[in-house]
Amino acid sequence: MNVQFWTFIMVGISFAIYIGVAIWTRARSTGDFYVAGSNVNPVVNGLATAADWMSAASFISMAGLISFMGRDGSVYLLGWTGGYVLLALLLAPYLRKFGKYTVPDFVGDRYYSQVARIVAVVCAVFVSFTYVSGQMRGVGIVFSRFLNVDITIGVLIGMGIVFFYAVLGGMKGITYTQVAQYCVLIFAFMVPAIFISILITDNPIPQMGLGAKVNDGSGMYLLDRLNGLNEALGFDKYTDGSKSKIDVICLTAALMLGTAGLPHVIIRFYTVRKASEARISAGWALLFIALLYTTAPAVAIFARTNLLKTVTTEQENGQLVDVKYDEVPDWFKNWEKTDLIKFTDLNNDGAIQYRGKHSDIENELEIDRDIMVLANPEIAKLPNWIVGLVAAGGLAAALSTAAGLLLVISTAIAHDLLKGCVMPSLSEKQELFAARVASGIAVCIAGYFGIDPPGFVGEVVAFAFGLAASSFFPAIVLGIFSKRMNKAGAVSGMIVGITFTAAYIIFFKYILPEFIIDDSMKISEYWLFGISPEGIGTVGMVINFITAFIVCRFTAPPPDEVQALVENIRVP
């Protein structure tokens, strides 16, 4: 049975489970729709949080980024895992004790201002749409390759599934659907990793296979072997980094602080009964997350090694010979059909010259980083059922996070904007209807960004984290730990922080490239202090803090009842 058959089976079974769970757990009240009735078991919430947090960027793109970036890719591991620990220890329990449905709810009440609430709604929607575009791109990539449909059709199918269980079930349906999605995605990520680790190093534990010797009789360690292949083809040593220290620090910090400010993750801690259970569910989620994140570097290195072995042949004297295009395996040509692999025979010799910047030979091969995890089982010649399983896992990762983000958007509009500001007299039934309509509209907009995304999945998600770090993180931290912070300071900080960060990203990703004519000119030469658009959120966060403190000192302090509230939520 071929790959497409197994993909239909695996994806069909998983989708049937998701839809069945959504029907079984459909929301019947706003409490169910927004926070699943606040009675989810901490272990179940930990599973759902892990699925919500581990998006297509974690499953599809992170290992792909590491496979191409080498040591520099570690910033994604450090930033996203460190950020989750920061969120779990520093923010989640206090926000849960505050007892509001959403982050804009917290910001509006803590800063006693409808303006603050509206600014928070705008930030939540902006961050969530940026993030969800990466998820929908992941859905399109999976469908385009494994079901042989156009990426646009793939995104539309994903939109339909998300629309069904997000709009019908709300947070209650999403929570239990995400439990199933975590089981699918972690199984799909670990099974091929274990198989490939055995094939390359004879070690069944991928984390240990990463540092083991290859089983080809050479006696070389896997990383040494990969370094040699990389250098022979003109790439940097895999274990060396090329990013500047300040960019590494800023990007890692932006991902960490952005994680702690992501509204779709924070809202998960409102689904348990009390603050102590929020801490317990955070601990469980960290365990479930670590299982994938400690495996990702091994998957990246396995994929990179197998890729280089596909496009080159090593002779007995150690010399690498380029593989002829006519001799490449089926997986290569199957991915070519998606336009995510592109081979251009510049010298008309029929061979694939895959070369890095240090080579005198021009590179003839373009590979989209987002395909590495999905193509890895095919490259390693694993059974077709594993390839289908990986496709189902990629969809589970993308759809689980997309659902959480769409819920944030719908609650921000229906609960925080309509109910909280524009139409306070809205009944519960009307509010629930408005939330579902907002979800439907959000699905359509997310689909558009999935069809025409602004970058790689991981890259787009990094932008979202930077925007969250520069807007929400300071407002939440100061709202919990500073009794003196007032509405003027918080609102000014959020506006200035997210405006600076968004402007920097837009300028360097979309405006400046249009004016670069000379190929020898590098956009990175114009970065502020050498900080990339992915890492600029850290600077935006600092600007947010500074602005908030300055404005706060020159304006009236918060009312006594607000200061008492801040004191109360910090009591254990």
Protein backbone atom coordinates (compact mmCIF):
# COMPACT_ATOMS: atom_id res chain seq x y z
CA MET A 1 0.00 0.00 0.00
CA ASN A 2 1.38 3.40 -1.01
CA VAL A 3 2.01 6.54 1.00
CA GLN A 4 -1.18 8.24 -0.09
CA PHE A 5 -3.31 5.30 1.06
CA TRP A 6 -1.68 5.23 4.49
CA THR A 7 -2.01 9.01 4.77
CA PHE A 8 -5.73 8.80 4.07
CA ILE A 9 -6.05 6.08 6.73
CA MET A 10 -4.02 7.87 9.43
CA VAL A 11 -5.43 11.33 8.78
CA GLY A 12 -8.98 10.00 8.37
CA ILE A 13 -8.90 8.13 11.69
CA SER A 14 -7.40 11.08 13.56
CA PHE A 15 -9.90 13.55 12.06
CA ALA A 16 -12.79 11.24 12.94
CA ILE A 17 -11.56 11.20 16.54
CA TYR A 18 -11.29 14.99 16.67
CA ILE A 19 -14.80 15.49 15.29
CA GLY A 20 -16.26 12.83 17.59
CA VAL A 21 -14.66 14.45 20.63
CA ALA A 22 -15.91 17.89 19.54
CA ILE A 23 -19.50 16.62 19.31
CA TRP A 24 -19.23 14.82 22.66
CA THR A 25 -17.84 17.87 24.47
CA ARG A 26 -19.65 20.69 22.67
CA ALA A 27 -20.02 23.93 24.60
CA ARG A 28 -23.44 24.74 26.07
CA SER A 29 -22.53 27.96 27.92
CA THR A 30 -20.04 30.80 27.71
CA GLY A 31 -18.14 29.21 30.60
CA ASP A 32 -17.77 26.02 28.56
CA PHE A 33 -16.84 27.99 25.44
CA TYR A 34 -14.23 30.24 27.07
CA VAL A 35 -12.66 28.13 29.85
CA ALA A 36 -14.19 24.62 29.59
CA GLY A 37 -16.23 25.21 32.75
CA SER A 38 -12.99 25.62 34.78
CA ASN A 39 -13.12 21.99 35.93
CA VAL A 40 -10.52 20.24 33.72
CA ASN A 41 -8.26 17.70 35.45
CA PRO A 42 -4.65 19.02 35.78
CA VAL A 43 -3.16 16.04 33.89
CA VAL A 44 -5.68 16.45 31.07
CA ASN A 45 -4.98 20.18 31.03
CA GLY A 46 -1.25 19.43 30.90
CA LEU A 47 -1.76 17.28 27.81
CA ALA A 48 -3.96 19.92 26.18
CA THR A 49 -1.50 22.70 27.05
CA ALA A 50 1.37 20.73 25.53
CA ALA A 51 -0.60 20.24 22.30
CA ASP A 52 -1.69 23.89 22.29
CA TRP A 53 1.87 25.09 22.81
CA MET A 54 3.62 22.64 20.45
CA SER A 55 2.45 24.05 17.17
CA ALA A 56 3.42 23.30 13.59
CA ALA A 57 6.54 25.32 14.38
CA SER A 58 7.53 22.74 17.00
CA PHE A 59 6.58 19.64 15.02
CA ILE A 60 7.32 20.65 11.43
CA SER A 61 9.61 23.65 11.40
CA MET A 62 11.86 23.59 14.48
CA ALA A 63 13.86 20.49 13.55
CA GLY A 64 13.95 21.80 9.96
CA LEU A 65 15.43 25.08 11.14
CA ILE A 66 18.00 23.28 13.29
CA SER A 67 18.92 20.95 10.41
CA PHE A 68 19.88 23.97 8.28
CA MET A 69 21.08 26.41 10.95
CA GLY A 70 23.14 23.98 13.02
CA ARG A 71 24.11 25.32 16.42
CA ASP A 72 22.33 28.62 15.76
CA GLY A 73 19.04 26.70 15.72
CA SER A 74 19.42 26.02 19.43
CA VAL A 75 17.91 29.44 20.11
CA TYR A 76 14.49 27.99 19.26
CA LEU A 77 14.95 25.14 21.74
CA LEU A 78 16.21 27.42 24.49
CA GLY A 79 13.70 30.17 23.87
CA TRP A 80 10.53 28.11 23.64
CA THR A 81 11.29 25.70 26.51
CA GLY A 82 12.71 28.41 28.77
CA GLY A 83 9.71 30.59 28.06
CA TYR A 84 7.31 27.89 29.11
CA VAL A 85 9.11 27.48 32.45
CA LEU A 86 8.95 31.26 32.92
CA LEU A 87 5.23 31.25 32.18
CA ALA A 88 4.50 28.32 34.48
CA LEU A 89 6.42 29.70 37.47
CA LEU A 90 6.05 33.46 37.13
CA LEU A 91 2.67 34.19 35.60
CA ALA A 92 0.19 31.32 35.27
CA PRO A 93 -0.81 30.82 38.94
CA TYR A 94 -1.31 34.55 39.53
CA LEU A 95 -3.41 34.98 36.41
CA ARG A 96 -5.50 31.97 37.40
CA LYS A 97 -6.08 33.45 40.86
CA PHE A 98 -7.20 36.70 39.26
CA GLY A 99 -10.02 34.62 37.79
CA LYS A 100 -10.72 36.26 34.44
CA TYR A 101 -11.33 34.48 31.14
CA THR A 102 -8.77 36.24 28.95
CA VAL A 103 -5.62 38.35 28.96
CA PRO A 104 -7.53 41.47 27.75
CA ASP A 105 -9.92 40.81 30.65
CA PHE A 106 -6.98 40.88 33.06
CA VAL A 107 -5.47 43.98 31.46
CA GLY A 108 -8.81 45.84 31.40
CA ASP A 109 -9.65 45.13 35.05
CA ARG A 110 -6.12 45.44 36.45
CA TYR A 111 -5.60 48.77 34.70
CA TYR A 112 -9.19 49.89 35.36
CA SER A 113 -9.58 51.11 31.80
CA GLN A 114 -11.65 50.28 28.75
CA VAL A 115 -8.90 51.79 26.61
CA ALA A 116 -6.40 49.33 28.11
CA ARG A 117 -8.84 46.50 27.37
CA ILE A 118 -9.25 47.58 23.73
CA VAL A 119 -5.48 47.94 23.24
CA ALA A 120 -5.03 44.44 24.69
CA VAL A 121 -7.73 43.10 22.35
CA VAL A 122 -5.94 44.61 19.34
CA CYS A 123 -2.60 43.15 20.49
CA ALA A 124 -4.17 39.71 21.10
CA VAL A 125 -5.79 39.62 17.67
CA PHE A 126 -2.64 40.88 15.92
CA VAL A 127 -0.36 38.37 17.66
CA SER A 128 -2.80 35.49 17.18
CA PHE A 129 -3.30 36.10 13.46
CA THR A 130 0.48 36.30 12.95
CA TYR A 131 0.88 33.00 14.79
CA VAL A 132 -2.04 31.20 13.16
CA SER A 133 -0.80 31.97 9.65
CA GLY A 134 2.17 29.71 10.35
CA GLN A 135 -0.13 26.90 11.47
CA MET A 136 -2.28 27.06 8.37
CA ARG A 137 0.84 27.02 6.18
CA GLY A 138 1.86 23.80 7.95
CA VAL A 139 -1.54 22.28 7.18
CA GLY A 140 -1.21 23.24 3.51
CA ILE A 141 2.28 21.70 3.25
CA VAL A 142 1.13 18.37 4.69
CA PHE A 143 -1.92 18.11 2.43
CA SER A 144 -0.08 19.25 -0.70
CA ARG A 145 2.50 16.48 -0.44
CA PHE A 146 0.71 13.52 1.06
CA LEU A 147 -2.75 13.92 -0.47
CA ASN A 148 -1.47 15.31 -3.78
CA VAL A 149 -3.64 18.40 -3.62
CA ASP A 150 -2.78 22.04 -4.13
CA ILE A 151 -1.63 23.90 -0.98
CA THR A 152 -4.69 26.14 -1.26
CA ILE A 153 -7.02 23.12 -1.21
CA GLY A 154 -5.08 21.70 1.74
CA VAL A 155 -5.53 24.90 3.73
CA LEU A 156 -9.27 24.95 2.93
CA ILE A 157 -9.65 21.37 4.23
CA GLY A 158 -7.81 22.32 7.43
CA MET A 159 -10.02 25.38 7.81
CA GLY A 160 -13.12 23.20 7.63
CA ILE A 161 -11.91 20.84 10.36
CA VAL A 162 -10.82 23.63 12.71
CA PHE A 163 -14.05 25.53 12.08
CA PHE A 164 -16.08 22.50 13.07
CA TYR A 165 -14.56 21.65 16.43
CA ALA A 166 -13.46 25.17 17.46
CA VAL A 167 -16.81 26.82 16.68
CA LEU A 168 -18.92 23.94 17.99
CA GLY A 169 -16.94 22.96 21.06
CA GLY A 170 -15.21 26.15 22.15
CA MET A 171 -12.56 25.66 24.86
CA LYS A 172 -14.28 22.54 26.18
CA GLY A 173 -14.21 20.83 22.80
CA ILE A 174 -10.73 22.14 22.02
CA THR A 175 -9.33 20.89 25.35
CA TYR A 176 -10.32 17.26 24.87
CA THR A 177 -9.55 17.37 21.15
CA GLN A 178 -6.06 18.63 22.00
CA VAL A 179 -5.52 15.66 24.32
CA ALA A 180 -6.12 13.36 21.35
CA GLN A 181 -3.95 15.56 19.14
CA TYR A 182 -1.05 15.41 21.60
CA CYS A 183 -1.18 11.61 21.58
CA VAL A 184 -1.14 11.61 17.78
CA LEU A 185 1.63 14.17 17.35
CA ILE A 186 4.01 12.75 19.97
CA PHE A 187 3.60 9.21 18.64
CA ALA A 188 4.14 10.48 15.09
CA PHE A 189 7.28 12.39 16.11
CA MET A 190 8.88 9.68 18.26
CA VAL A 191 8.29 6.55 16.14
CA PRO A 192 10.33 7.66 13.07
CA ALA A 193 12.97 9.22 15.35
CA ILE A 194 13.47 5.87 17.09
CA PHE A 195 13.57 3.92 13.82
CA ILE A 196 16.08 6.31 12.20
CA SER A 197 18.26 6.39 15.33
CA ILE A 198 18.50 2.60 15.14
CA LEU A 199 19.27 2.69 11.40
CA ILE A 200 22.07 5.26 11.78
CA THR A 201 23.59 4.51 15.21
CA ASP A 202 22.04 1.21 16.44
CA ASN A 203 20.77 3.19 19.47
CA PRO A 204 16.96 3.13 19.97
CA ILE A 205 16.98 6.32 22.08
CA PRO A 206 17.22 9.34 19.71
CA GLN A 207 18.61 11.64 22.42
CA MET A 208 21.53 9.22 22.91
CA GLY A 209 21.87 8.45 19.21
CA LEU A 210 22.64 12.15 18.72
CA GLY A 211 26.00 11.66 20.46
CA ALA A 212 26.68 8.10 19.32
CA LYS A 213 28.95 6.64 16.62
CA VAL A 214 27.52 5.90 13.18
CA ASN A 215 27.17 2.21 12.39
CA ASP A 216 28.84 2.30 8.96
CA GLY A 217 32.10 0.88 10.29
CA SER A 218 33.97 4.20 10.15
CA GLY A 219 34.06 4.58 13.91
CA MET A 220 33.13 8.28 13.59
CA TYR A 221 30.69 10.07 15.84
CA LEU A 222 27.54 11.25 14.10
CA LEU A 223 28.24 14.97 14.63
CA ASP A 224 31.82 14.61 13.37
CA ARG A 225 30.49 12.83 10.29
CA LEU A 226 27.96 15.60 9.65
CA ASN A 227 30.58 18.31 10.14
CA GLY A 228 32.76 16.60 7.53
CA LEU A 229 29.93 16.33 5.00
CA ASN A 230 28.93 19.97 5.55
CA GLU A 231 32.46 21.31 5.11
CA ALA A 232 33.10 19.17 2.03
CA LEU A 233 30.07 20.78 0.36
CA GLY A 234 30.99 24.35 1.31
CA PHE A 235 28.69 24.80 4.32
CA ASP A 236 29.72 25.98 7.78
CA LYS A 237 30.61 23.34 10.35
CA TYR A 238 27.33 22.11 11.73
CA THR A 239 28.45 22.58 15.33
CA ASP A 240 29.66 26.16 14.71
CA GLY A 241 27.36 29.17 14.89
CA SER A 242 27.33 32.18 12.58
CA LYS A 243 24.88 34.42 14.43
CA SER A 244 26.21 37.31 16.48
CA LYS A 245 26.04 36.91 20.25
CA ILE A 246 23.67 39.83 20.66
CA ASP A 247 21.25 38.36 18.09
CA VAL A 248 21.38 34.95 19.79
CA ILE A 249 20.62 36.57 23.15
CA CYS A 250 17.83 38.78 21.77
CA LEU A 251 16.19 36.01 19.76
CA THR A 252 16.30 33.59 22.68
CA ALA A 253 14.89 36.24 25.03
CA ALA A 254 12.16 37.23 22.54
CA LEU A 255 11.04 33.60 22.23
CA MET A 256 11.14 33.10 26.02
CA LEU A 257 9.30 36.27 26.92
CA GLY A 258 6.93 35.88 23.99
CA THR A 259 5.98 32.41 25.23
CA ALA A 260 5.17 33.89 28.62
CA GLY A 261 2.94 36.47 26.94
CA LEU A 262 1.10 34.28 24.46
CA PRO A 263 -2.64 34.65 25.10
CA HIS A 264 -3.64 31.20 23.79
CA VAL A 265 -1.29 29.48 26.27
CA ILE A 266 -2.18 31.69 29.23
CA ILE A 267 -5.91 31.06 28.79
CA ARG A 268 -5.32 27.32 29.34
CA PHE A 269 -4.62 27.96 33.02
CA TYR A 270 -8.16 29.27 33.50
CA THR A 271 -9.60 25.85 32.66
CA VAL A 272 -8.62 24.28 36.01
CA ARG A 273 -10.40 24.80 39.32
CA LYS A 274 -7.76 26.72 41.30
CA ALA A 275 -4.27 28.23 41.23
CA SER A 276 -2.58 25.17 42.75
CA GLU A 277 -3.97 23.02 39.94
CA ALA A 278 -2.63 25.55 37.44
CA ARG A 279 0.86 24.87 38.83
CA ILE A 280 0.34 21.10 38.66
CA SER A 281 -0.94 21.20 35.08
CA ALA A 282 2.02 23.41 34.11
CA GLY A 283 4.39 20.77 35.48
CA TRP A 284 2.68 17.98 33.54
CA ALA A 285 2.72 20.07 30.38
CA LEU A 286 6.46 20.68 30.76
CA LEU A 287 7.06 16.92 30.97
CA PHE A 288 4.98 16.28 27.85
CA ILE A 289 6.67 19.13 25.99
CA ALA A 290 10.18 17.96 26.94
CA LEU A 291 9.55 14.60 25.29
CA LEU A 292 9.39 16.25 21.86
CA TYR A 293 11.87 19.05 22.45
CA THR A 294 14.69 16.81 23.62
CA THR A 295 14.15 14.66 20.52
CA ALA A 296 14.06 17.52 17.98
CA PRO A 297 17.86 18.06 17.74
CA ALA A 298 18.36 14.37 16.98
CA VAL A 299 15.65 14.46 14.32
CA ALA A 300 17.30 17.53 12.76
CA ILE A 301 20.71 15.88 12.59
CA PHE A 302 19.32 12.58 11.28
CA ALA A 303 17.43 14.47 8.55
CA ARG A 304 20.44 16.60 7.56
CA THR A 305 22.75 13.58 7.40
CA ASN A 306 20.32 11.54 5.30
CA LEU A 307 19.68 14.50 2.98
CA LEU A 308 23.38 14.97 2.25
CA LYS A 309 23.72 11.25 1.62
CA THR A 310 20.87 11.48 -0.88
CA VAL A 311 22.41 14.21 -3.06
CA THR A 312 26.01 12.96 -2.81
CA THR A 313 27.83 9.63 -2.96
CA GLU A 314 30.93 9.08 -0.84
CA GLN A 315 33.67 7.06 -2.54
CA GLU A 316 36.16 4.80 -0.76
CA ASN A 317 38.79 7.57 -0.73
CA GLY A 318 36.31 9.86 1.05
CA GLN A 319 35.65 12.08 -1.97
CA LEU A 320 32.05 13.20 -2.48
CA VAL A 321 30.50 12.79 -5.93
CA ASP A 322 27.30 14.61 -6.92
CA VAL A 323 24.32 12.35 -7.59
CA LYS A 324 22.74 12.51 -11.04
CA TYR A 325 19.23 13.94 -11.10
CA ASP A 326 17.95 10.85 -12.92
CA GLU A 327 19.16 8.70 -10.01
CA VAL A 328 17.48 10.52 -7.13
CA PRO A 329 14.91 8.49 -5.15
CA ASP A 330 11.15 8.89 -5.52
CA TRP A 331 10.76 11.04 -2.41
CA PHE A 332 12.82 13.80 -4.02
CA LYS A 333 10.65 14.02 -7.12
CA ASN A 334 7.44 13.72 -5.09
CA TRP A 335 8.39 16.78 -3.04
CA GLU A 336 9.44 18.60 -6.22
CA LYS A 337 5.79 18.50 -7.28
CA THR A 338 4.92 20.72 -4.29
CA ASP A 339 7.56 23.32 -5.34
CA LEU A 340 9.15 22.95 -1.90
CA ILE A 341 12.23 21.40 -3.52
CA LYS A 342 13.61 23.09 -6.63
CA PHE A 343 16.52 21.82 -8.74
CA THR A 344 17.99 24.04 -11.47
CA ASP A 345 20.71 22.42 -13.59
CA LEU A 346 22.83 25.53 -14.13
CA ASN A 347 25.73 23.79 -15.88
CA ASN A 348 23.61 21.21 -17.75
CA ASP A 349 25.64 18.24 -16.47
CA GLY A 350 22.63 16.39 -15.07
CA ALA A 351 24.13 16.25 -11.56
CA ILE A 352 22.79 17.96 -8.44
CA GLN A 353 25.32 20.40 -7.03
CA TYR A 354 24.16 21.17 -3.50
CA ARG A 355 26.67 23.70 -2.20
CA GLY A 356 27.13 26.21 0.59
CA LYS A 357 28.47 29.75 0.53
CA HIS A 358 32.09 28.63 0.98
CA SER A 359 32.09 26.61 -2.24
CA ASP A 360 33.33 27.81 -5.63
CA ILE A 361 30.51 25.83 -7.29
CA GLU A 362 27.12 27.53 -7.60
CA ASN A 363 24.28 25.94 -5.65
CA GLU A 364 21.60 24.28 -7.81
CA LEU A 365 19.22 23.02 -5.12
CA GLU A 366 16.67 24.94 -3.03
CA ILE A 367 15.03 23.10 -0.14
CA ASP A 368 12.20 24.50 1.96
CA ARG A 369 13.15 23.99 5.61
CA ASP A 370 9.60 23.08 6.53
CA ILE A 371 9.74 19.76 4.68
CA MET A 372 12.60 18.17 6.64
CA VAL A 373 10.57 16.48 9.38
CA LEU A 374 7.80 15.44 7.00
CA ALA A 375 10.22 14.08 4.40
CA ASN A 376 12.55 12.46 6.95
CA PRO A 377 10.82 9.03 7.03
CA GLU A 378 10.80 8.88 3.22
CA ILE A 379 14.46 9.91 3.02
CA ALA A 380 15.33 7.14 5.52
CA LYS A 381 13.19 4.63 3.54
CA LEU A 382 10.91 3.83 6.46
CA PRO A 383 7.62 1.93 5.89
CA ASN A 384 4.78 3.86 4.27
CA TRP A 385 2.58 3.63 7.36
CA ILE A 386 5.14 5.68 9.28
CA VAL A 387 5.10 8.34 6.55
CA GLY A 388 1.31 8.52 6.85
CA LEU A 389 1.60 8.71 10.64
CA VAL A 390 3.97 11.68 10.41
CA ALA A 391 1.50 13.46 8.13
CA ALA A 392 -1.25 12.95 10.73
CA GLY A 393 1.11 14.22 13.46
CA GLY A 394 1.95 17.36 11.53
CA LEU A 395 -1.72 18.11 11.05
CA ALA A 396 -2.43 17.46 14.74
CA ALA A 397 0.28 19.93 15.79
CA ALA A 398 -0.91 22.63 13.39
CA LEU A 399 -4.63 22.23 14.07
CA SER A 400 -4.31 22.05 17.87
CA THR A 401 -2.56 25.41 18.08
CA ALA A 402 -4.70 26.96 15.36
CA ALA A 403 -7.81 26.09 17.38
CA GLY A 404 -6.40 27.69 20.52
CA LEU A 405 -5.45 30.83 18.66
CA LEU A 406 -8.83 31.11 16.97
CA LEU A 407 -10.48 30.81 20.36
CA VAL A 408 -8.36 33.70 21.63
CA ILE A 409 -9.47 35.82 18.68
CA SER A 410 -13.15 34.95 19.12
CA THR A 411 -13.14 35.56 22.88
CA ALA A 412 -11.22 38.81 22.47
CA ILE A 413 -13.87 40.09 20.08
CA ALA A 414 -17.03 38.64 21.67
CA HIS A 415 -16.18 38.77 25.39
CA ASP A 416 -13.65 41.58 25.72
CA LEU A 417 -14.72 43.95 22.96
CA LEU A 418 -18.47 43.43 22.50
CA LYS A 419 -19.50 42.34 26.01
CA GLY A 420 -16.80 44.29 27.85
CA CYS A 421 -16.92 47.56 25.94
CA VAL A 422 -19.48 48.01 23.19
CA MET A 423 -22.58 46.05 24.30
CA PRO A 424 -22.44 45.30 28.07
CA SER A 425 -26.11 44.19 28.06
CA LEU A 426 -25.36 41.26 25.73
CA SER A 427 -27.04 38.07 27.00
CA GLU A 428 -25.05 34.85 27.44
CA LYS A 429 -26.75 33.29 24.41
CA GLN A 430 -25.99 36.33 22.24
CA GLU A 431 -22.39 36.42 23.46
CA LEU A 432 -21.93 32.73 22.63
CA PHE A 433 -23.38 33.32 19.16
CA ALA A 434 -21.05 36.31 18.64
CA ALA A 435 -18.05 34.22 19.72
CA ARG A 436 -18.93 31.54 17.18
CA VAL A 437 -19.40 34.07 14.38
CA ALA A 438 -16.06 35.66 15.30
CA SER A 439 -14.44 32.19 15.18
CA GLY A 440 -15.83 31.60 11.71
CA ILE A 441 -14.53 34.92 10.40
CA ALA A 442 -11.17 34.31 12.06
CA VAL A 443 -10.90 30.89 10.37
CA CYS A 444 -11.37 32.52 6.97
CA ILE A 445 -8.72 35.19 7.61
CA ALA A 446 -6.32 32.56 8.99
CA GLY A 447 -6.85 30.51 5.85
CA TYR A 448 -5.88 33.45 3.68
CA PHE A 449 -2.60 33.87 5.58
CA GLY A 450 -2.01 30.13 5.32
CA ILE A 451 -2.32 30.32 1.54
CA ASP A 452 -0.11 33.41 1.27
CA PRO A 453 2.21 33.22 4.32
CA PRO A 454 4.90 35.79 5.16
CA GLY A 455 7.68 33.20 5.66
CA PHE A 456 8.69 29.78 6.97
CA VAL A 457 6.45 28.34 9.70
CA GLY A 458 9.11 28.74 12.40
CA GLU A 459 10.04 32.21 11.17
CA VAL A 460 6.44 33.44 11.21
CA VAL A 461 5.90 32.01 14.69
CA ALA A 462 9.07 33.76 15.88
CA PHE A 463 7.53 37.05 14.72
CA ALA A 464 4.41 36.29 16.78
CA PHE A 465 6.50 35.58 19.87
CA GLY A 466 8.38 38.84 19.42
CA LEU A 467 5.11 40.76 19.13
CA ALA A 468 3.78 39.06 22.28
CA ALA A 469 7.00 39.83 24.18
CA SER A 470 6.87 43.50 23.22
CA SER A 471 3.20 43.98 24.08
CA PHE A 472 1.72 41.59 26.65
CA PHE A 473 4.67 40.45 28.75
CA PRO A 474 5.50 43.81 30.42
CA ALA A 475 1.82 44.62 31.00
CA ILE A 476 1.20 41.24 32.66
CA VAL A 477 4.38 41.23 34.78
CA LEU A 478 3.87 44.82 35.96
CA GLY A 479 0.18 44.12 36.54
CA ILE A 480 1.09 41.31 38.95
CA PHE A 481 4.22 42.63 40.65
CA SER A 482 3.92 46.44 40.62
CA LYS A 483 1.18 48.14 42.63
CA ARG A 484 2.34 51.50 41.32
CA MET A 485 1.87 50.70 37.61
CA ASN A 486 -1.18 52.55 36.32
CA LYS A 487 -3.31 52.49 33.19
CA ALA A 488 -1.45 55.30 31.43
CA GLY A 489 1.89 53.54 31.81
CA ALA A 490 0.63 50.10 30.75
CA VAL A 491 -1.30 51.36 27.72
CA SER A 492 1.56 53.57 26.53
CA GLY A 493 4.03 50.72 26.93
CA MET A 494 1.91 48.24 24.97
CA ILE A 495 1.29 50.67 22.10
CA VAL A 496 4.92 51.78 21.79
CA GLY A 497 6.34 48.26 22.22
CA ILE A 498 4.20 46.46 19.64
CA THR A 499 4.35 49.39 17.18
CA PHE A 500 8.15 49.45 17.24
CA THR A 501 8.44 45.67 16.88
CA ALA A 502 5.86 45.38 14.09
CA ALA A 503 7.40 48.31 12.18
CA TYR A 504 10.89 46.78 12.42
CA ILE A 505 9.67 43.39 11.17
CA ILE A 506 7.66 44.89 8.30
CA PHE A 507 10.50 47.18 7.23
CA PHE A 508 13.23 44.54 7.12
CA LYS A 509 11.12 41.68 5.79
CA TYR A 510 8.95 43.45 3.22
CA ILE A 511 10.03 47.05 2.51
CA LEU A 512 13.83 47.08 2.46
CA PRO A 513 14.19 43.93 0.26
CA GLU A 514 12.31 45.77 -2.50
CA PHE A 515 15.10 48.37 -2.63
CA ILE A 516 18.03 45.94 -2.56
CA ILE A 517 19.27 45.68 -6.13
CA ASP A 518 22.91 44.68 -5.67
CA ASP A 519 23.12 40.98 -4.72
CA SER A 520 26.30 41.66 -2.75
CA MET A 521 24.37 43.82 -0.27
CA LYS A 522 23.03 41.99 2.76
CA ILE A 523 19.93 43.15 4.61
CA SER A 524 21.54 42.00 7.87
CA GLU A 525 24.08 44.80 7.50
CA TYR A 526 21.28 47.31 8.19
CA TRP A 527 19.87 45.59 11.31
CA LEU A 528 19.81 47.67 14.50
CA PHE A 529 22.86 46.52 16.55
CA GLY A 530 22.90 43.36 14.41
CA ILE A 531 19.54 42.16 15.80
CA SER A 532 17.33 40.20 13.39
CA PRO A 533 13.58 40.83 12.95
CA GLU A 534 12.95 37.53 14.77
CA GLY A 535 14.81 38.83 17.83
CA ILE A 536 13.74 42.48 17.85
CA GLY A 537 10.86 41.70 20.21
CA THR A 538 13.36 41.83 23.09
CA VAL A 539 14.20 45.44 22.26
CA GLY A 540 10.49 46.18 21.89
CA MET A 541 9.90 44.70 25.34
CA VAL A 542 12.62 46.89 26.88
CA ILE A 543 11.10 49.95 25.20
CA ASN A 544 7.70 48.90 26.58
CA PHE A 545 9.07 48.68 30.14
CA ILE A 546 10.89 52.01 29.90
CA THR A 547 7.87 53.79 28.43
CA ALA A 548 5.55 52.30 31.06
CA PHE A 549 7.79 53.34 33.96
CA ILE A 550 8.34 56.89 32.66
CA VAL A 551 4.65 57.55 31.96
CA CYS A 552 3.67 55.92 35.26
CA ARG A 553 5.90 58.29 37.27
CA PHE A 554 4.28 61.36 35.76
CA THR A 555 0.65 60.25 36.13
CA ALA A 556 -1.69 59.42 39.00
CA PRO A 557 -1.23 56.11 40.85
CA PRO A 558 -3.89 53.37 40.61
CA PRO A 559 -6.91 53.52 42.93
CA ASP A 560 -6.54 51.92 46.37
CA GLU A 561 -8.83 49.01 45.48
CA VAL A 562 -6.65 48.12 42.49
CA GLN A 563 -3.51 48.18 44.63
CA ALA A 564 -5.25 45.95 47.15
CA LEU A 565 -6.22 43.58 44.32
CA VAL A 566 -2.59 43.34 43.20
CA GLU A 567 -1.54 42.60 46.76
CA ASN A 568 -4.20 39.90 47.06
CA ILE A 569 -3.32 37.94 43.91
CA ARG A 570 0.28 37.61 45.13
CA VAL A 571 -0.79 35.92 48.37
CA PRO A 572 -0.12 32.12 48.10
